[in-house]
Structures are given as C-alpha cells and as structure tokens.
Amino acid sequence: MKSFRMTFLAAVLAFAGSPTGPVHAQDQIDPPGEAIEAARDLLGLMSKDMVAKLASQVTAQMWPSIESRLRSFNSNIDAVALADLRKELERIQFEHMMSIVTDGPAIYVRHFTAEELREIIAFYRTPTGSKVLRMTPQLTAEVMAMIKPRMPDFYARSIEAFTKALRVRGYNL
C-alpha cells in the first residue's frame, strides 16, 4: 500500500501543470534538427572533466558505506584492493554518466527551443556561466548530501499530507 501511494504521488506530480501531461518545448516551435544541434553544442560545453569530477564526488559520497560493507563481508580485504575497487566504481559511474550526456540532446530538446539552448550556451561562455559549469558537480554533491538524510521524512510527510487532501476531497488510496 505504501509503495502504491508513493507511485501514485510521483505520477500525479509528473503530470502536474497540464491536463494532458507535461508540455514540451519542442512540441511548440523548432524544427528538430536545429534544436538537436543546439542541444549537442550545449552538452559539448559540459566537458569530460566535469563529468569525471561529478563521478568522483558521487563515488566519495557512496564509498564509506560500500567500504564498510566490503570490510564486514571480506575480512581479508586490504587497502590496495579497496583502492582498486573504488577506482573501478568511479570508472563505472563515469561511463554511465557519459552515456547520459550522450543521450542528453533529446532530453534538452523536449524542454527547450533552439533559441533557448543558444541563450544558455551564450551564458555558459561568459565568465559566470563558465564558473557555473565548473562548480555544478560540487554544488550537486553538496545539495545531494544535504537532501539525502531528509528524504525519508520528506516522503512520509508528503504522502501523509497528500492522503489527507485526498480524503478531504472524498478519495482514498
């Protein structure tokens, strides 16, 4: 029942804002080729270095609990093996993140017009925009570290409040 409630809430939130579902920028304006080209240009600004840094930071957040579990199940594991395994996890995450970046243009085109993408590119080429690109992995890691411990309470309180709102309207989950 609890997982149904969470799934239902996620579906409601995903389709919020439009009676027919989310509105996509591409549905409104540009020829697809022009927007895809602009999206590729935008994602080209997001260098491998940025993705590598993000993968490293994600690994750093995950590693302490993974290392602890490895040590508890493998009492003979040494520091060299742990370092090698951490490197392997980081490599795997980097590859997955790069595949996301590769698939990214189609996602951006659903939400931004070609003109909007060109405006974003122009911003990222400014000193401030360049700093945003450099700082994004660190900011993302810091925000995720702040959010993670709060998520169980967030979900519980959201589901509780939404269930109450449904009941007030005569619906049940």
Foldseek 3Di string as FASTA:
>chain_A
DLVVLLVVVVVCVQQPPDPVRDAFPLVPDDDVVLLLVLLLLLLVLLDLVLLLLLLLLVLVVPVVVVVVVCCVVPVPDDPVNSVVVSVVSSVVSSVVVVVCSVVPSVVVNRHDPSVVSVVLSVQCPDPVNVVCSNCVSVVVSVVCVVCVVVVVVVSVVVSVVVQVVQVVVPHHD
